């Protein structure tokens, strides 16, 4: 599970793993933010209808029914998916206000927010695909999203993660939300740190290199994890 704040660099890092500019990145407008969970699954070349394909619920839908095929189409589809997810989340908040928390309309609206599966040839995952388990890369919305229901997605994702990759922008290395993430991950799986299944990636290091040395970054992360 890739987690972190909005614009920390989660999607950019996943694009690097994919060797393709698929995930929307560098988004400045709130309505463009990553707002859905995207599961990246390594699929053998013979099974992928294009360089990369995006489809809903691949376990029940054939890849030939993919909603988008090819880098440009997938990226455009994710832009639309993010916008639609935010619209539905905002509607569900309005429904809650009108009907009370847990209103039936809110539940129906949230049920319409999909999880996307991205089938791609991912060299970084190829060697990790072993029966009876499979390696997946999962992109999540950012922490502290202005829409609470979307901000909850990455926190809930921690409860089902075998490995957590926390991406921190260099400017945010001392942010309180990092402490919250460490705490949440530990509460869900006390062995996650002991077993080296929690990875911290500091992005945009070059921007803060004058004031943040590599050793200082490491020391800050270790101190906060120990807290």
Protein backbone atom coordinates (compact mmCIF):
# COMPACT_ATOMS: atom_id res chain seq x y z
CA UNK A 1 0.00 0.00 0.00
CA UNK A 2 1.38 3.40 -1.01
CA UNK A 3 0.19 6.07 1.41
CA UNK A 4 1.08 9.68 2.15
CA UNK A 5 -0.15 13.23 1.83
CA UNK A 6 -1.57 14.73 -1.36
CA UNK A 7 1.25 15.58 -3.78
CA UNK A 8 3.83 13.66 -1.76
CA UNK A 9 4.81 11.69 -4.86
CA UNK A 10 2.95 8.36 -4.47
CA UNK A 11 1.61 8.26 -8.02
CA UNK A 12 4.93 9.48 -9.45
CA UNK A 13 6.76 6.63 -7.72
CA UNK A 14 4.24 4.10 -9.05
CA UNK A 15 4.69 5.51 -12.56
CA UNK A 16 8.41 4.84 -12.17
CA UNK A 17 7.67 1.22 -11.24
CA UNK A 18 5.41 0.95 -14.28
CA UNK A 19 7.88 2.71 -16.59
CA UNK A 20 4.82 4.52 -17.94
CA UNK A 21 3.20 7.88 -17.28
CA UNK A 22 -0.14 6.35 -16.29
CA UNK A 23 -1.12 7.72 -12.89
CA UNK A 24 -2.19 11.38 -12.95
CA UNK A 25 0.54 13.40 -11.21
CA UNK A 26 1.40 16.98 -10.33
CA UNK A 27 -2.26 17.82 -9.74
CA UNK A 28 -2.83 21.28 -8.29
CA UNK A 29 -6.61 21.53 -8.47
CA UNK A 30 -8.48 19.87 -5.61
CA UNK A 31 -10.98 18.18 -7.93
CA UNK A 32 -8.09 16.43 -9.74
CA UNK A 33 -6.59 14.78 -6.66
CA UNK A 34 -6.27 11.02 -6.40
CA UNK A 35 -9.61 10.04 -4.89
CA UNK A 36 -9.92 6.33 -5.68
CA UNK A 37 -7.92 3.26 -4.74
CA UNK A 38 -5.98 1.90 -7.73
CA UNK A 39 -4.67 -1.66 -7.50
CA UNK A 40 -1.78 -2.41 -9.88
CA UNK A 41 -1.48 -6.08 -10.77
CA UNK A 42 1.34 -7.60 -12.81
CA UNK A 43 -0.22 -9.50 -15.72
CA UNK A 44 1.72 -11.61 -18.24
CA UNK A 45 2.11 -9.94 -21.68
CA UNK A 46 -0.02 -12.61 -23.34
CA UNK A 47 -2.99 -11.62 -21.14
CA UNK A 48 -2.77 -7.83 -21.46
CA UNK A 49 -4.62 -6.36 -24.46
CA UNK A 50 -2.29 -3.36 -24.66
CA UNK A 51 0.74 -1.83 -22.94
CA UNK A 52 -1.48 -1.31 -19.91
CA UNK A 53 -5.20 -1.66 -19.28
CA UNK A 54 -7.64 -0.38 -16.73
CA UNK A 55 -10.77 -2.29 -15.83
CA UNK A 56 -13.28 -2.63 -13.00
CA UNK A 57 -13.38 -5.80 -10.90
CA UNK A 58 -11.04 -7.91 -13.04
CA UNK A 59 -11.84 -11.03 -11.02
CA UNK A 60 -15.33 -11.01 -12.51
CA UNK A 61 -14.76 -9.06 -15.73
CA UNK A 62 -12.57 -10.28 -18.61
CA UNK A 63 -9.61 -8.13 -19.59
CA UNK A 64 -11.15 -7.80 -23.03
CA UNK A 65 -13.85 -5.69 -21.37
CA UNK A 66 -11.32 -3.18 -20.04
CA UNK A 67 -12.68 0.34 -19.89
CA UNK A 68 -9.41 1.79 -21.17
CA UNK A 69 -6.39 0.41 -22.98
CA UNK A 70 -3.05 2.13 -23.44
CA UNK A 71 -1.26 4.76 -21.37
CA UNK A 72 -3.14 7.83 -22.59
CA UNK A 73 -6.58 6.23 -22.26
CA UNK A 74 -5.87 4.90 -18.78
CA UNK A 75 -4.56 8.25 -17.56
CA UNK A 76 -7.66 10.01 -18.92
CA UNK A 77 -9.91 7.37 -17.32
CA UNK A 78 -8.26 7.92 -13.94
CA UNK A 79 -8.76 11.68 -14.22
CA UNK A 80 -12.47 11.03 -14.76
CA UNK A 81 -12.60 8.43 -11.97
CA UNK A 82 -11.07 10.85 -9.47
CA UNK A 83 -13.53 13.59 -10.35
CA UNK A 84 -16.51 11.23 -10.14
CA UNK A 85 -15.37 9.80 -6.79
CA UNK A 86 -15.11 13.28 -5.30
CA UNK A 87 -18.55 14.15 -6.61
CA UNK A 88 -20.10 11.06 -5.05
CA UNK A 89 -18.27 11.58 -1.75
CA UNK A 90 -19.51 15.16 -1.56
CA UNK A 91 -23.06 13.98 -2.32
CA UNK A 92 -22.81 11.36 0.42
CA UNK A 93 -21.78 14.03 2.91
CA UNK A 94 -24.83 16.08 1.96
CA UNK A 95 -26.99 12.96 2.32
CA UNK A 96 -25.59 12.34 5.79
CA UNK A 97 -26.41 15.90 6.78
CA UNK A 98 -29.99 15.48 5.58
CA UNK A 99 -30.68 11.94 6.81
CA UNK A 100 -28.26 11.59 9.70
CA UNK A 101 -25.07 9.54 9.74
CA UNK A 102 -25.49 6.19 8.05
CA UNK A 103 -28.42 7.33 5.94
CA UNK A 104 -29.53 4.89 3.26
CA UNK A 105 -28.91 7.38 0.45
CA UNK A 106 -25.35 7.93 1.67
CA UNK A 107 -24.73 4.17 1.68
CA UNK A 108 -26.03 3.82 -1.86
CA UNK A 109 -23.85 6.68 -3.11
CA UNK A 110 -20.70 5.31 -1.50
CA UNK A 111 -21.40 1.90 -2.98
CA UNK A 112 -21.07 3.54 -6.40
CA UNK A 113 -17.47 4.65 -5.76
CA UNK A 114 -15.39 1.94 -7.52
CA UNK A 115 -12.02 0.40 -6.87
CA UNK A 116 -9.93 0.31 -10.04
CA UNK A 117 -7.61 -2.51 -11.03
CA UNK A 118 -4.75 -1.69 -13.35
CA UNK A 119 -3.39 -4.64 -15.32
CA UNK A 120 0.12 -3.97 -16.54
CA UNK A 121 3.46 -5.53 -17.26
CA UNK A 122 5.38 -4.55 -14.13
CA UNK A 123 8.99 -5.81 -14.12
CA UNK A 124 9.37 -4.85 -10.45
CA UNK A 125 6.53 -7.23 -9.53
CA UNK A 126 7.24 -10.05 -11.97
CA UNK A 127 9.62 -11.85 -9.66
CA UNK A 128 7.29 -11.45 -6.69
CA UNK A 129 4.32 -13.25 -8.21
CA UNK A 130 4.25 -16.62 -6.51
CA UNK A 131 1.41 -18.95 -5.72
CA UNK A 132 -0.54 -18.93 -3.47
CA UNK A 133 -0.01 -15.19 -3.01
CA UNK A 134 0.43 -12.29 -5.37
CA UNK A 135 2.27 -8.97 -5.10
CA UNK A 136 0.13 -5.91 -5.75
CA UNK A 137 0.91 -2.20 -5.74
CA UNK A 138 -1.94 -0.06 -4.40
CA UNK A 139 -2.20 3.70 -4.83
CA UNK A 140 -4.40 5.61 -2.37
CA UNK A 141 -5.80 9.12 -1.93
CA UNK A 142 -3.72 11.43 0.25
CA UNK A 143 -4.04 11.90 3.98
CA UNK A 144 -5.86 15.02 5.18
CA UNK A 145 -8.07 15.26 2.12
CA UNK A 146 -10.69 17.98 2.49
CA UNK A 147 -13.41 15.34 2.06
CA UNK A 148 -13.37 13.13 5.20
CA UNK A 149 -14.70 10.03 3.44
CA UNK A 150 -11.82 10.14 0.96
CA UNK A 151 -9.26 10.93 3.67
CA UNK A 152 -10.36 7.75 5.49
CA UNK A 153 -9.42 5.48 2.55
CA UNK A 154 -5.63 5.38 3.13
CA UNK A 155 -6.07 4.91 6.89
CA UNK A 156 -8.38 1.94 6.35
CA UNK A 157 -5.93 0.57 3.78
CA UNK A 158 -3.31 0.18 6.51
CA UNK A 159 -5.41 -2.56 8.11
CA UNK A 160 -5.08 -4.83 5.07
CA UNK A 161 -1.47 -4.11 4.09
CA UNK A 162 1.33 -6.63 4.10
CA UNK A 163 3.83 -3.89 3.25
CA UNK A 164 3.31 -0.16 3.76
CA UNK A 165 5.20 2.42 1.69
CA UNK A 166 4.84 5.87 3.24
CA UNK A 167 5.86 8.58 0.78
CA UNK A 168 6.81 11.85 2.48
CA UNK A 169 7.58 15.11 0.68
CA UNK A 170 10.83 16.61 1.97
CA UNK A 171 8.94 19.62 3.30
CA UNK A 172 6.62 17.35 5.34
CA UNK A 173 9.10 15.05 7.03
CA UNK A 174 8.24 16.40 10.51
CA UNK A 175 4.47 16.59 9.93
CA UNK A 176 2.18 15.14 12.59
CA UNK A 177 0.31 13.05 10.01
CA UNK A 178 3.42 10.88 9.67
CA UNK A 179 3.25 10.06 13.39
CA UNK A 180 -0.43 9.21 12.97
CA UNK A 181 0.43 6.85 10.12
CA UNK A 182 3.15 5.08 12.14
CA UNK A 183 0.74 4.68 15.06
CA UNK A 184 -2.09 3.41 12.86
CA UNK A 185 0.17 0.89 11.11
CA UNK A 186 1.53 -0.39 14.43
CA UNK A 187 -1.94 -0.76 15.95
CA UNK A 188 -3.14 -2.74 12.92
CA UNK A 189 -0.02 -4.92 12.72
CA UNK A 190 2.48 -4.71 15.63
CA UNK A 191 5.07 -6.69 13.65
CA UNK A 192 5.13 -4.35 10.64
CA UNK A 193 8.26 -2.48 11.84
CA UNK A 194 10.04 -5.48 13.33
CA UNK A 195 9.64 -7.41 10.08
CA UNK A 196 10.84 -4.49 7.95
CA UNK A 197 7.53 -4.23 6.13
CA UNK A 198 7.17 -0.48 6.63
CA UNK A 199 9.13 1.56 4.08
CA UNK A 200 9.56 5.33 4.18
CA UNK A 201 10.39 7.14 0.94
CA UNK A 202 11.36 10.83 1.08
CA UNK A 203 10.49 12.49 -2.22
CA UNK A 204 11.65 15.81 -3.67
CA UNK A 205 14.75 15.59 -1.53
CA UNK A 206 16.63 17.86 -3.92
CA UNK A 207 14.24 20.70 -3.03
CA UNK A 208 15.22 20.63 0.64
CA UNK A 209 18.76 19.23 0.39
CA UNK A 210 20.31 22.45 1.72
CA UNK A 211 18.50 22.14 5.06
CA UNK A 212 17.81 18.39 5.25
CA UNK A 213 20.70 15.96 5.03
CA UNK A 214 20.12 12.27 4.36
CA UNK A 215 21.22 11.45 7.90
CA UNK A 216 18.89 14.04 9.40
CA UNK A 217 16.00 12.62 7.39
CA UNK A 218 16.80 9.11 8.65
CA UNK A 219 17.14 10.31 12.23
CA UNK A 220 13.80 12.11 12.05
CA UNK A 221 11.99 9.04 10.73
CA UNK A 222 13.59 6.70 13.30
CA UNK A 223 12.76 9.09 16.15
CA UNK A 224 9.14 9.38 15.10
CA UNK A 225 8.75 5.61 14.63
CA UNK A 226 10.10 5.02 18.14
CA UNK A 227 7.56 7.46 19.53
